[in-house]
N, C-alpha and C. Protein backbone atom coordinates (compact mmCIF):
# COMPACT_ATOMS: atom_id res chain seq x y z
N MET A 1 -26.31 55.41 -241.89
CA MET A 1 -26.49 55.31 -240.43
C MET A 1 -26.35 56.70 -239.81
N SER A 2 -27.30 57.08 -238.97
CA SER A 2 -27.24 58.39 -238.34
C SER A 2 -26.15 58.43 -237.30
N ALA A 3 -25.77 59.70 -236.94
CA ALA A 3 -24.72 59.87 -235.93
C ALA A 3 -25.16 59.28 -234.60
N GLU A 4 -26.46 59.38 -234.30
CA GLU A 4 -26.98 58.85 -233.03
C GLU A 4 -26.86 57.34 -232.99
N ASN A 5 -27.24 56.68 -234.10
CA ASN A 5 -27.15 55.22 -234.15
C ASN A 5 -25.70 54.76 -234.10
N HIS A 6 -24.82 55.51 -234.75
CA HIS A 6 -23.40 55.16 -234.75
C HIS A 6 -22.82 55.25 -233.34
N THR A 7 -23.21 56.31 -232.62
CA THR A 7 -22.75 56.47 -231.24
C THR A 7 -23.28 55.37 -230.36
N HIS A 8 -24.56 55.00 -230.57
CA HIS A 8 -25.18 53.93 -229.78
C HIS A 8 -24.45 52.61 -230.01
N LYS A 9 -24.08 52.35 -231.28
CA LYS A 9 -23.38 51.11 -231.60
C LYS A 9 -22.03 51.06 -230.91
N GLU A 10 -21.33 52.21 -230.89
CA GLU A 10 -20.04 52.26 -230.23
C GLU A 10 -20.16 52.00 -228.73
N LEU A 11 -21.25 52.54 -228.15
CA LEU A 11 -21.45 52.35 -226.72
C LEU A 11 -21.73 50.89 -226.38
N GLN A 12 -22.39 50.18 -227.32
CA GLN A 12 -22.76 48.80 -227.09
C GLN A 12 -21.59 47.84 -227.34
N GLN A 13 -20.57 48.29 -228.02
CA GLN A 13 -19.45 47.41 -228.33
C GLN A 13 -18.70 47.07 -227.06
N PRO A 14 -18.47 45.77 -226.81
CA PRO A 14 -17.79 45.37 -225.58
C PRO A 14 -16.32 45.80 -225.57
N THR A 15 -15.78 45.89 -224.39
CA THR A 15 -14.37 46.24 -224.27
C THR A 15 -13.50 45.04 -224.64
N ILE A 16 -12.25 45.28 -224.93
CA ILE A 16 -11.34 44.20 -225.31
C ILE A 16 -11.21 43.18 -224.18
N LEU A 17 -10.97 43.66 -222.98
CA LEU A 17 -10.71 42.75 -221.86
C LEU A 17 -11.95 42.04 -221.37
N SER A 18 -13.14 42.49 -221.82
CA SER A 18 -14.36 41.81 -221.39
C SER A 18 -14.39 40.36 -221.88
N TYR A 19 -13.67 40.08 -222.96
CA TYR A 19 -13.67 38.73 -223.50
C TYR A 19 -12.84 37.76 -222.67
N VAL A 20 -12.03 38.29 -221.77
CA VAL A 20 -11.25 37.41 -220.90
C VAL A 20 -12.17 36.67 -219.94
N LYS A 21 -13.32 37.25 -219.64
CA LYS A 21 -14.26 36.61 -218.72
C LYS A 21 -14.97 35.42 -219.34
N ASP A 22 -14.90 35.31 -220.66
CA ASP A 22 -15.52 34.18 -221.35
C ASP A 22 -14.69 32.92 -221.06
N ILE A 23 -15.33 31.90 -220.49
CA ILE A 23 -14.61 30.72 -220.02
C ILE A 23 -13.79 30.05 -221.12
N PRO A 24 -14.32 29.83 -222.32
CA PRO A 24 -13.48 29.23 -223.37
C PRO A 24 -12.23 30.05 -223.68
N ASN A 25 -12.38 31.38 -223.69
CA ASN A 25 -11.21 32.23 -223.94
C ASN A 25 -10.20 32.13 -222.80
N LEU A 26 -10.71 32.00 -221.59
CA LEU A 26 -9.82 31.85 -220.43
C LEU A 26 -9.02 30.55 -220.53
N LEU A 27 -9.69 29.49 -221.00
CA LEU A 27 -9.00 28.22 -221.20
C LEU A 27 -7.94 28.34 -222.30
N SER A 28 -8.27 29.09 -223.34
CA SER A 28 -7.31 29.34 -224.42
C SER A 28 -6.07 30.05 -223.88
N LEU A 29 -6.30 31.02 -223.00
CA LEU A 29 -5.18 31.77 -222.43
C LEU A 29 -4.35 30.92 -221.47
N LEU A 30 -5.00 29.98 -220.79
CA LEU A 30 -4.24 29.05 -219.95
C LEU A 30 -3.34 28.17 -220.83
N GLY A 31 -3.87 27.78 -222.00
CA GLY A 31 -3.05 27.04 -222.95
C GLY A 31 -1.87 27.87 -223.43
N LEU A 32 -2.11 29.17 -223.64
CA LEU A 32 -1.02 30.07 -224.05
C LEU A 32 0.02 30.17 -222.95
N ALA A 33 -0.42 30.17 -221.70
CA ALA A 33 0.53 30.21 -220.57
C ALA A 33 1.42 28.96 -220.59
N CYS A 34 0.82 27.80 -220.89
CA CYS A 34 1.60 26.57 -220.99
C CYS A 34 2.59 26.66 -222.14
N THR A 35 2.17 27.31 -223.22
CA THR A 35 3.05 27.49 -224.38
C THR A 35 4.23 28.39 -224.03
N VAL A 36 3.98 29.45 -223.29
CA VAL A 36 5.06 30.35 -222.87
C VAL A 36 6.07 29.58 -222.02
N LEU A 37 5.57 28.74 -221.13
CA LEU A 37 6.47 27.92 -220.31
C LEU A 37 7.27 26.95 -221.19
N ALA A 38 6.60 26.37 -222.18
CA ALA A 38 7.29 25.44 -223.08
C ALA A 38 8.41 26.15 -223.84
N ILE A 39 8.14 27.37 -224.29
CA ILE A 39 9.17 28.16 -224.99
C ILE A 39 10.33 28.47 -224.04
N TYR A 40 9.99 28.89 -222.83
CA TYR A 40 11.02 29.24 -221.84
C TYR A 40 11.92 28.04 -221.55
N PHE A 41 11.30 26.89 -221.28
CA PHE A 41 12.09 25.71 -220.92
C PHE A 41 12.84 25.15 -222.13
N SER A 42 12.32 25.36 -223.34
CA SER A 42 13.07 24.96 -224.54
C SER A 42 14.34 25.78 -224.66
N ILE A 43 14.22 27.07 -224.47
CA ILE A 43 15.38 27.96 -224.60
C ILE A 43 16.42 27.67 -223.51
N THR A 44 15.94 27.37 -222.31
CA THR A 44 16.88 27.12 -221.20
C THR A 44 17.38 25.68 -221.18
N GLY A 45 16.87 24.84 -222.10
CA GLY A 45 17.38 23.48 -222.21
C GLY A 45 16.78 22.48 -221.25
N ILE A 46 15.70 22.84 -220.58
CA ILE A 46 15.02 21.90 -219.67
C ILE A 46 13.88 21.28 -220.48
N TYR A 47 14.24 20.33 -221.32
CA TYR A 47 13.32 19.85 -222.34
C TYR A 47 12.15 19.03 -221.79
N GLY A 48 12.38 18.34 -220.68
CA GLY A 48 11.27 17.60 -220.08
C GLY A 48 10.14 18.52 -219.67
N ALA A 49 10.48 19.64 -219.06
CA ALA A 49 9.46 20.62 -218.66
C ALA A 49 8.81 21.24 -219.90
N ALA A 50 9.59 21.42 -220.96
CA ALA A 50 9.03 21.95 -222.20
C ALA A 50 7.99 21.01 -222.77
N MET A 51 8.26 19.71 -222.70
CA MET A 51 7.30 18.72 -223.21
C MET A 51 5.99 18.74 -222.43
N ILE A 52 6.10 18.92 -221.12
CA ILE A 52 4.91 19.01 -220.29
C ILE A 52 4.09 20.24 -220.69
N GLY A 53 4.75 21.36 -220.89
CA GLY A 53 4.05 22.56 -221.31
C GLY A 53 3.37 22.38 -222.66
N MET A 54 4.04 21.71 -223.58
CA MET A 54 3.48 21.51 -224.92
C MET A 54 2.23 20.64 -224.90
N VAL A 55 2.27 19.56 -224.13
CA VAL A 55 1.11 18.66 -224.13
C VAL A 55 -0.08 19.28 -223.40
N TRP A 56 0.19 20.07 -222.36
CA TRP A 56 -0.91 20.73 -221.66
C TRP A 56 -1.51 21.86 -222.50
N ALA A 57 -0.71 22.46 -223.36
CA ALA A 57 -1.24 23.47 -224.27
C ALA A 57 -2.29 22.85 -225.18
N VAL A 58 -2.03 21.63 -225.65
CA VAL A 58 -3.01 20.93 -226.48
C VAL A 58 -4.27 20.61 -225.67
N ALA A 59 -4.07 20.16 -224.44
CA ALA A 59 -5.21 19.82 -223.58
C ALA A 59 -6.14 21.01 -223.38
N PHE A 60 -5.58 22.18 -223.10
CA PHE A 60 -6.40 23.38 -222.92
C PHE A 60 -7.02 23.83 -224.24
N ASP A 61 -6.31 23.59 -225.35
CA ASP A 61 -6.85 23.93 -226.66
C ASP A 61 -8.10 23.11 -226.95
N TRP A 62 -8.05 21.83 -226.66
CA TRP A 62 -9.22 20.97 -226.85
C TRP A 62 -10.33 21.36 -225.87
N ALA A 63 -9.94 21.68 -224.65
CA ALA A 63 -10.93 22.00 -223.62
C ALA A 63 -11.74 23.25 -223.97
N ASP A 64 -11.09 24.27 -224.54
CA ASP A 64 -11.83 25.50 -224.84
C ASP A 64 -12.91 25.24 -225.88
N GLY A 65 -12.63 24.37 -226.85
CA GLY A 65 -13.64 24.04 -227.86
C GLY A 65 -14.80 23.26 -227.27
N LEU A 66 -14.49 22.32 -226.40
CA LEU A 66 -15.54 21.52 -225.77
C LEU A 66 -16.47 22.39 -224.93
N VAL A 67 -15.88 23.28 -224.14
CA VAL A 67 -16.67 24.16 -223.29
C VAL A 67 -17.49 25.13 -224.14
N ALA A 68 -16.89 25.66 -225.19
CA ALA A 68 -17.58 26.64 -226.05
C ALA A 68 -18.82 26.02 -226.68
N ARG A 69 -18.73 24.76 -227.10
CA ARG A 69 -19.88 24.11 -227.74
C ARG A 69 -21.00 23.82 -226.76
N ARG A 70 -20.69 23.72 -225.48
CA ARG A 70 -21.70 23.38 -224.49
C ARG A 70 -22.20 24.58 -223.68
N LEU A 71 -21.50 25.69 -223.80
CA LEU A 71 -21.84 26.87 -223.00
C LEU A 71 -23.01 27.61 -223.65
N LYS A 72 -24.03 27.86 -222.85
CA LYS A 72 -25.23 28.54 -223.37
C LYS A 72 -25.06 30.05 -223.23
N GLY A 73 -25.70 30.78 -224.13
CA GLY A 73 -25.71 32.23 -224.04
C GLY A 73 -24.59 32.92 -224.78
N ARG A 74 -23.70 32.15 -225.43
CA ARG A 74 -22.63 32.78 -226.21
C ARG A 74 -23.19 33.28 -227.53
N THR A 75 -22.82 34.49 -227.90
CA THR A 75 -23.31 35.09 -229.14
C THR A 75 -22.39 34.72 -230.31
N ALA A 76 -22.85 35.05 -231.52
CA ALA A 76 -22.03 34.80 -232.71
C ALA A 76 -20.74 35.59 -232.64
N THR A 77 -20.80 36.78 -232.05
CA THR A 77 -19.60 37.60 -231.90
C THR A 77 -18.63 36.96 -230.92
N ASP A 78 -19.17 36.39 -229.83
CA ASP A 78 -18.32 35.68 -228.87
C ASP A 78 -17.58 34.53 -229.56
N ALA A 79 -18.32 33.79 -230.38
CA ALA A 79 -17.73 32.65 -231.08
C ALA A 79 -16.67 33.11 -232.08
N LYS A 80 -16.95 34.21 -232.78
CA LYS A 80 -15.99 34.74 -233.76
C LYS A 80 -14.70 35.19 -233.07
N PHE A 81 -14.86 35.90 -231.95
CA PHE A 81 -13.69 36.36 -231.20
C PHE A 81 -12.88 35.16 -230.72
N GLY A 82 -13.57 34.15 -230.17
CA GLY A 82 -12.89 32.95 -229.67
C GLY A 82 -12.14 32.24 -230.78
N GLY A 83 -12.76 32.19 -231.98
CA GLY A 83 -12.10 31.54 -233.10
C GLY A 83 -10.83 32.28 -233.52
N GLN A 84 -10.91 33.61 -233.53
CA GLN A 84 -9.73 34.40 -233.88
C GLN A 84 -8.63 34.24 -232.83
N LEU A 85 -9.02 34.20 -231.57
CA LEU A 85 -8.05 34.00 -230.49
C LEU A 85 -7.36 32.65 -230.62
N ASP A 86 -8.15 31.63 -230.95
CA ASP A 86 -7.58 30.29 -231.13
C ASP A 86 -6.52 30.27 -232.23
N VAL A 87 -6.82 30.94 -233.34
CA VAL A 87 -5.89 30.94 -234.47
C VAL A 87 -4.56 31.59 -234.08
N VAL A 88 -4.65 32.72 -233.37
CA VAL A 88 -3.44 33.43 -232.96
C VAL A 88 -2.61 32.57 -232.00
N ILE A 89 -3.30 31.94 -231.05
CA ILE A 89 -2.59 31.11 -230.07
C ILE A 89 -2.02 29.87 -230.74
N ASP A 90 -2.76 29.29 -231.70
CA ASP A 90 -2.30 28.09 -232.39
C ASP A 90 -0.98 28.32 -233.12
N ILE A 91 -0.82 29.46 -233.75
CA ILE A 91 0.42 29.72 -234.48
C ILE A 91 1.61 29.78 -233.53
N VAL A 92 1.35 30.25 -232.30
CA VAL A 92 2.43 30.29 -231.30
C VAL A 92 2.67 28.89 -230.73
N SER A 93 1.58 28.20 -230.38
CA SER A 93 1.71 26.88 -229.74
C SER A 93 2.26 25.82 -230.67
N TYR A 94 1.78 25.81 -231.91
CA TYR A 94 2.10 24.71 -232.82
C TYR A 94 3.04 25.09 -233.96
N GLY A 95 3.37 26.38 -234.07
CA GLY A 95 4.32 26.81 -235.08
C GLY A 95 5.59 27.33 -234.45
N VAL A 96 5.46 28.35 -233.61
CA VAL A 96 6.63 28.99 -233.00
C VAL A 96 7.31 28.06 -231.99
N THR A 97 6.54 27.43 -231.13
CA THR A 97 7.13 26.61 -230.06
C THR A 97 7.95 25.43 -230.59
N PRO A 98 7.42 24.60 -231.51
CA PRO A 98 8.25 23.52 -232.04
C PRO A 98 9.49 24.03 -232.77
N ALA A 99 9.37 25.18 -233.43
CA ALA A 99 10.52 25.76 -234.13
C ALA A 99 11.60 26.18 -233.14
N ILE A 100 11.19 26.79 -232.04
CA ILE A 100 12.16 27.18 -231.00
C ILE A 100 12.78 25.94 -230.36
N LEU A 101 11.98 24.90 -230.17
CA LEU A 101 12.50 23.64 -229.63
C LEU A 101 13.61 23.10 -230.52
N LEU A 102 13.35 23.09 -231.84
CA LEU A 102 14.36 22.61 -232.78
C LEU A 102 15.61 23.48 -232.75
N LEU A 103 15.43 24.78 -232.75
CA LEU A 103 16.58 25.70 -232.72
C LEU A 103 17.41 25.51 -231.46
N SER A 104 16.72 25.38 -230.33
CA SER A 104 17.42 25.23 -229.05
C SER A 104 18.20 23.93 -229.01
N TYR A 105 17.55 22.83 -229.43
CA TYR A 105 18.24 21.54 -229.38
C TYR A 105 19.40 21.51 -230.35
N GLY A 106 19.30 22.29 -231.41
CA GLY A 106 20.39 22.37 -232.37
C GLY A 106 21.42 23.42 -232.02
N LYS A 107 21.38 23.90 -230.77
CA LYS A 107 22.34 24.89 -230.27
C LYS A 107 22.31 26.18 -231.10
N PHE A 108 21.17 26.45 -231.71
CA PHE A 108 20.95 27.67 -232.50
C PHE A 108 21.95 27.80 -233.65
N GLU A 109 22.39 26.65 -234.17
CA GLU A 109 23.24 26.66 -235.35
C GLU A 109 22.41 27.12 -236.57
N PRO A 110 23.01 27.86 -237.50
CA PRO A 110 22.27 28.41 -238.64
C PRO A 110 21.49 27.38 -239.45
N ILE A 111 22.00 26.14 -239.58
CA ILE A 111 21.32 25.13 -240.37
C ILE A 111 19.92 24.84 -239.83
N PHE A 112 19.72 25.06 -238.54
CA PHE A 112 18.42 24.77 -237.93
C PHE A 112 17.41 25.89 -238.22
N LEU A 113 17.89 27.02 -238.70
CA LEU A 113 16.97 28.09 -239.11
C LEU A 113 16.12 27.65 -240.29
N VAL A 114 16.69 26.81 -241.14
CA VAL A 114 15.95 26.31 -242.30
C VAL A 114 14.75 25.48 -241.86
N GLY A 115 15.02 24.52 -240.97
CA GLY A 115 13.94 23.68 -240.45
C GLY A 115 12.90 24.49 -239.70
N ALA A 116 13.36 25.44 -238.88
CA ALA A 116 12.44 26.28 -238.10
C ALA A 116 11.55 27.09 -239.03
N PHE A 117 12.14 27.63 -240.10
CA PHE A 117 11.36 28.42 -241.05
C PHE A 117 10.32 27.55 -241.76
N ILE A 118 10.71 26.36 -242.15
CA ILE A 118 9.77 25.45 -242.82
C ILE A 118 8.60 25.13 -241.89
N MET A 119 8.89 24.86 -240.63
CA MET A 119 7.85 24.50 -239.67
C MET A 119 6.89 25.67 -239.43
N MET A 120 7.43 26.86 -239.26
CA MET A 120 6.58 28.02 -239.00
C MET A 120 5.78 28.42 -240.24
N THR A 121 6.41 28.30 -241.42
CA THR A 121 5.71 28.63 -242.66
C THR A 121 4.54 27.68 -242.88
N ALA A 122 4.78 26.39 -242.67
CA ALA A 122 3.72 25.40 -242.84
C ALA A 122 2.57 25.67 -241.88
N ALA A 123 2.90 26.03 -240.64
CA ALA A 123 1.85 26.31 -239.65
C ALA A 123 1.02 27.52 -240.06
N ALA A 124 1.69 28.57 -240.54
CA ALA A 124 0.98 29.78 -240.96
C ALA A 124 0.06 29.50 -242.15
N ILE A 125 0.58 28.76 -243.14
CA ILE A 125 -0.22 28.44 -244.32
C ILE A 125 -1.38 27.53 -243.94
N ARG A 126 -1.09 26.54 -243.09
CA ARG A 126 -2.13 25.57 -242.66
C ARG A 126 -3.29 26.29 -241.97
N LEU A 127 -2.97 27.19 -241.07
CA LEU A 127 -4.01 27.91 -240.34
C LEU A 127 -4.78 28.86 -241.25
N SER A 128 -4.09 29.51 -242.16
CA SER A 128 -4.76 30.41 -243.09
C SER A 128 -5.72 29.64 -244.00
N TYR A 129 -5.29 28.46 -244.44
CA TYR A 129 -6.13 27.63 -245.30
C TYR A 129 -7.38 27.18 -244.55
N PHE A 130 -7.18 26.74 -243.29
CA PHE A 130 -8.32 26.29 -242.50
C PHE A 130 -9.29 27.44 -242.21
N SER A 131 -8.76 28.62 -241.93
CA SER A 131 -9.62 29.77 -241.67
C SER A 131 -10.44 30.14 -242.89
N THR A 132 -9.91 29.85 -244.08
CA THR A 132 -10.60 30.17 -245.32
C THR A 132 -11.64 29.11 -245.69
N TYR A 133 -11.26 27.84 -245.59
CA TYR A 133 -12.12 26.76 -246.11
C TYR A 133 -12.75 25.87 -245.04
N GLY A 134 -12.24 25.90 -243.83
CA GLY A 134 -12.81 25.08 -242.77
C GLY A 134 -12.57 23.60 -242.99
N LEU A 135 -13.45 22.78 -242.43
CA LEU A 135 -13.32 21.33 -242.54
C LEU A 135 -13.79 20.85 -243.91
N ALA A 136 -13.06 19.91 -244.48
CA ALA A 136 -13.46 19.32 -245.76
C ALA A 136 -14.69 18.45 -245.55
N GLY A 137 -15.77 18.80 -246.23
CA GLY A 137 -17.01 18.05 -246.06
C GLY A 137 -17.62 18.22 -244.69
N GLY A 138 -17.11 19.18 -243.93
CA GLY A 138 -17.63 19.46 -242.60
C GLY A 138 -17.18 18.50 -241.53
N THR A 139 -16.32 17.54 -241.89
CA THR A 139 -15.92 16.52 -240.91
C THR A 139 -14.42 16.29 -240.81
N LYS A 140 -13.66 16.61 -241.87
CA LYS A 140 -12.23 16.27 -241.86
C LYS A 140 -11.36 17.48 -242.20
N TYR A 141 -10.16 17.46 -241.65
CA TYR A 141 -9.17 18.48 -241.98
C TYR A 141 -8.48 18.13 -243.29
N THR A 142 -8.12 19.15 -244.03
CA THR A 142 -7.20 18.97 -245.15
C THR A 142 -5.80 19.26 -244.63
N GLY A 143 -4.94 18.24 -244.67
CA GLY A 143 -3.63 18.37 -244.05
C GLY A 143 -3.69 17.97 -242.59
N LEU A 144 -2.56 17.58 -242.05
CA LEU A 144 -2.50 17.17 -240.64
C LEU A 144 -2.74 18.38 -239.74
N ALA A 145 -3.72 18.27 -238.85
CA ALA A 145 -4.02 19.36 -237.92
C ALA A 145 -2.81 19.65 -237.05
N LEU A 146 -2.60 20.94 -236.75
CA LEU A 146 -1.36 21.36 -236.09
C LEU A 146 -1.20 20.82 -234.67
N ASP A 147 -2.31 20.57 -233.97
CA ASP A 147 -2.15 20.08 -232.60
C ASP A 147 -1.45 18.72 -232.56
N ASN A 148 -1.57 17.98 -233.68
CA ASN A 148 -0.87 16.69 -233.75
C ASN A 148 0.64 16.86 -233.70
N ASN A 149 1.14 17.99 -234.17
CA ASN A 149 2.59 18.24 -234.14
C ASN A 149 3.13 18.12 -232.72
N SER A 150 2.47 18.80 -231.79
CA SER A 150 2.93 18.76 -230.40
C SER A 150 2.76 17.38 -229.79
N LEU A 151 1.61 16.74 -230.07
CA LEU A 151 1.36 15.41 -229.51
C LEU A 151 2.39 14.40 -229.98
N ILE A 152 2.80 14.52 -231.23
CA ILE A 152 3.80 13.60 -231.79
C ILE A 152 5.20 13.94 -231.29
N LEU A 153 5.54 15.21 -231.26
CA LEU A 153 6.90 15.61 -230.87
C LEU A 153 7.21 15.26 -229.42
N VAL A 154 6.21 15.36 -228.53
CA VAL A 154 6.49 15.01 -227.13
C VAL A 154 6.75 13.51 -226.98
N SER A 155 6.19 12.71 -227.90
CA SER A 155 6.50 11.27 -227.90
C SER A 155 7.85 11.01 -228.52
N VAL A 156 8.15 11.72 -229.62
CA VAL A 156 9.46 11.57 -230.26
C VAL A 156 10.57 11.89 -229.27
N PHE A 157 10.34 12.86 -228.40
CA PHE A 157 11.38 13.29 -227.47
C PHE A 157 11.69 12.22 -226.43
N LEU A 158 10.83 11.24 -226.29
CA LEU A 158 11.11 10.14 -225.37
C LEU A 158 12.32 9.33 -225.83
N LEU A 159 12.66 9.43 -227.12
CA LEU A 159 13.81 8.69 -227.66
C LEU A 159 15.14 9.32 -227.27
N GLU A 160 15.11 10.54 -226.77
CA GLU A 160 16.34 11.28 -226.53
C GLU A 160 17.33 10.52 -225.66
N GLY A 161 16.85 9.86 -224.63
CA GLY A 161 17.74 9.17 -223.71
C GLY A 161 18.25 7.83 -224.22
N PHE A 162 17.77 7.39 -225.38
CA PHE A 162 18.13 6.06 -225.87
C PHE A 162 19.06 6.09 -227.09
N VAL A 163 19.29 7.28 -227.65
CA VAL A 163 20.20 7.41 -228.80
C VAL A 163 21.18 8.54 -228.51
N SER A 164 22.20 8.63 -229.34
CA SER A 164 23.19 9.68 -229.15
C SER A 164 22.58 11.04 -229.45
N ASN A 165 23.23 12.09 -228.95
CA ASN A 165 22.76 13.44 -229.17
C ASN A 165 22.71 13.78 -230.66
N GLU A 166 23.73 13.35 -231.39
CA GLU A 166 23.79 13.63 -232.82
C GLU A 166 22.65 12.93 -233.56
N THR A 167 22.41 11.67 -233.20
CA THR A 167 21.33 10.92 -233.84
C THR A 167 19.98 11.53 -233.54
N PHE A 168 19.77 11.90 -232.27
CA PHE A 168 18.46 12.45 -231.91
C PHE A 168 18.25 13.82 -232.57
N THR A 169 19.32 14.58 -232.73
CA THR A 169 19.19 15.88 -233.40
C THR A 169 18.64 15.69 -234.82
N ILE A 170 19.15 14.66 -235.51
CA ILE A 170 18.66 14.36 -236.85
C ILE A 170 17.21 13.90 -236.82
N ILE A 171 16.88 13.05 -235.83
CA ILE A 171 15.50 12.56 -235.69
C ILE A 171 14.54 13.72 -235.45
N LEU A 172 14.93 14.64 -234.58
CA LEU A 172 14.07 15.77 -234.25
C LEU A 172 13.89 16.68 -235.48
N TYR A 173 14.98 16.91 -236.19
CA TYR A 173 14.94 17.76 -237.39
C TYR A 173 14.01 17.14 -238.43
N MET A 174 14.19 15.86 -238.70
CA MET A 174 13.37 15.17 -239.70
C MET A 174 11.91 15.10 -239.27
N SER A 175 11.68 14.91 -237.97
CA SER A 175 10.31 14.86 -237.46
C SER A 175 9.61 16.19 -237.65
N GLY A 176 10.29 17.28 -237.29
CA GLY A 176 9.69 18.61 -237.42
C GLY A 176 9.38 18.96 -238.86
N VAL A 177 10.32 18.72 -239.76
CA VAL A 177 10.10 19.02 -241.17
C VAL A 177 9.06 18.07 -241.77
N GLY A 178 9.12 16.81 -241.38
CA GLY A 178 8.14 15.84 -241.87
C GLY A 178 6.72 16.21 -241.47
N LEU A 179 6.54 16.64 -240.25
CA LEU A 179 5.22 17.07 -239.79
C LEU A 179 4.76 18.31 -240.56
N ALA A 180 5.69 19.21 -240.83
CA ALA A 180 5.36 20.42 -241.59
C ALA A 180 4.84 20.06 -242.98
N ILE A 181 5.48 19.09 -243.61
CA ILE A 181 5.04 18.64 -244.94
C ILE A 181 3.64 18.06 -244.86
N LEU A 182 3.37 17.27 -243.83
CA LEU A 182 2.03 16.69 -243.65
C LEU A 182 1.00 17.78 -243.36
N ASN A 183 1.40 18.84 -242.66
CA ASN A 183 0.48 19.94 -242.34
C ASN A 183 -0.10 20.58 -243.60
N VAL A 184 0.72 20.69 -244.64
CA VAL A 184 0.28 21.38 -245.86
C VAL A 184 -0.02 20.40 -247.00
N SER A 185 -0.08 19.11 -246.68
CA SER A 185 -0.40 18.11 -247.69
C SER A 185 -1.91 18.07 -247.92
N GLU A 186 -2.32 17.23 -248.87
CA GLU A 186 -3.74 17.11 -249.20
C GLU A 186 -4.40 15.92 -248.49
N ILE A 187 -3.70 15.33 -247.54
CA ILE A 187 -4.31 14.21 -246.81
C ILE A 187 -5.50 14.71 -246.00
N LYS A 188 -6.46 13.85 -245.81
CA LYS A 188 -7.65 14.18 -245.02
C LYS A 188 -7.57 13.45 -243.69
N THR A 189 -7.68 14.21 -242.61
CA THR A 189 -7.60 13.62 -241.27
C THR A 189 -8.84 14.02 -240.47
N PRO A 190 -9.34 13.12 -239.62
CA PRO A 190 -10.56 13.43 -238.85
C PRO A 190 -10.32 14.47 -237.77
N LYS A 191 -11.38 15.12 -237.36
CA LYS A 191 -11.32 16.09 -236.27
C LYS A 191 -11.36 15.32 -234.96
N LEU A 192 -10.20 15.07 -234.40
CA LEU A 192 -10.09 14.22 -233.21
C LEU A 192 -10.79 14.80 -232.00
N SER A 193 -10.74 16.12 -231.85
CA SER A 193 -11.28 16.75 -230.63
C SER A 193 -12.80 16.68 -230.57
N GLY A 194 -13.45 16.29 -231.65
CA GLY A 194 -14.91 16.23 -231.65
C GLY A 194 -15.46 14.91 -231.14
N ASN A 195 -14.58 13.96 -230.85
CA ASN A 195 -15.00 12.64 -230.39
C ASN A 195 -14.74 12.49 -228.90
N PRO A 196 -15.79 12.22 -228.09
CA PRO A 196 -15.60 12.10 -226.64
C PRO A 196 -14.55 11.06 -226.25
N ARG A 197 -14.47 9.96 -227.02
CA ARG A 197 -13.47 8.94 -226.72
C ARG A 197 -12.06 9.51 -226.86
N ASN A 198 -11.85 10.32 -227.89
CA ASN A 198 -10.54 10.92 -228.11
C ASN A 198 -10.18 11.91 -227.00
N VAL A 199 -11.19 12.56 -226.45
CA VAL A 199 -10.95 13.50 -225.35
C VAL A 199 -10.41 12.74 -224.14
N TRP A 200 -11.01 11.60 -223.87
CA TRP A 200 -10.52 10.77 -222.75
C TRP A 200 -9.11 10.26 -223.04
N LEU A 201 -8.87 9.86 -224.28
CA LEU A 201 -7.53 9.39 -224.66
C LEU A 201 -6.50 10.50 -224.50
N LEU A 202 -6.88 11.73 -224.88
CA LEU A 202 -5.96 12.86 -224.70
C LEU A 202 -5.68 13.11 -223.23
N ALA A 203 -6.73 12.99 -222.39
CA ALA A 203 -6.54 13.19 -220.95
C ALA A 203 -5.55 12.18 -220.39
N ILE A 204 -5.71 10.90 -220.80
CA ILE A 204 -4.80 9.85 -220.33
C ILE A 204 -3.39 10.11 -220.85
N TYR A 205 -3.29 10.49 -222.12
CA TYR A 205 -1.99 10.77 -222.74
C TYR A 205 -1.31 11.94 -222.06
N THR A 206 -2.06 12.99 -221.78
CA THR A 206 -1.50 14.19 -221.13
C THR A 206 -0.97 13.85 -219.74
N LEU A 207 -1.75 13.12 -218.97
CA LEU A 207 -1.32 12.74 -217.63
C LEU A 207 -0.12 11.80 -217.68
N GLY A 208 -0.13 10.88 -218.66
CA GLY A 208 0.97 9.94 -218.79
C GLY A 208 2.27 10.65 -219.16
N ILE A 209 2.20 11.55 -220.15
CA ILE A 209 3.37 12.31 -220.56
C ILE A 209 3.88 13.17 -219.41
N THR A 210 2.95 13.78 -218.68
CA THR A 210 3.33 14.62 -217.55
C THR A 210 4.06 13.80 -216.49
N ALA A 211 3.56 12.60 -216.22
CA ALA A 211 4.17 11.73 -215.21
C ALA A 211 5.57 11.29 -215.63
N ILE A 212 5.70 10.89 -216.90
CA ILE A 212 7.00 10.39 -217.40
C ILE A 212 8.07 11.48 -217.33
N TYR A 213 7.72 12.66 -217.86
CA TYR A 213 8.74 13.71 -217.88
C TYR A 213 8.98 14.30 -216.49
N SER A 214 7.97 14.28 -215.63
CA SER A 214 8.17 14.75 -214.26
C SER A 214 9.15 13.84 -213.52
N LEU A 215 8.99 12.53 -213.72
CA LEU A 215 9.92 11.58 -213.10
C LEU A 215 11.33 11.76 -213.63
N ASN A 216 11.44 12.02 -214.94
CA ASN A 216 12.77 12.27 -215.52
C ASN A 216 13.41 13.52 -214.95
N LEU A 217 12.59 14.54 -214.72
CA LEU A 217 13.13 15.78 -214.17
C LEU A 217 13.58 15.62 -212.72
N LEU A 218 12.88 14.76 -211.99
CA LEU A 218 13.20 14.55 -210.58
C LEU A 218 14.36 13.58 -210.36
N SER A 219 14.63 12.77 -211.36
CA SER A 219 15.68 11.74 -211.22
C SER A 219 17.08 12.33 -211.42
């Protein structure tokens, strides 16, 4: 490649922040904002607000994919950047956040570091595997998709008010580690976000979870 062509290529390369204008990426970043709130409220012990942040992070995660598939004019590079952004955000939303939730609820006792490490390790391996091999047969995930972790944990947390703190701590610990095991298992699960019916179900679930925990916070 000549020096002139190399310079021309550099001039044509988009800036880093130019990708923020891409609507799917913007939705991804809104999901990341919800994740940051979930982490903050987990650390401060306002778990109802953390649950709301976690479920909305999933909603925005699904939304960015839906918009990306329908948006015209996106290039292969746009899609590649969006995919990389999703992976980075997913490890925070579905790996780091549940681990911090477990640590916080366990009062940051050392024993909870084990569970947190297992959860984050499983998330990292799961995402790396998916980035390498994609969907099995083009239709199913190998291992439980990570977004299910948040959807399940926000439901598990509804039990908190009905059992003792000690009992729920065990339930939360076992749930987090159990989900981590499923994340790296060989089970095949369908791609839920690709079905319009599931999108509507997620919308109803998100609004329902938001309403329940909002009422709990206000009471």
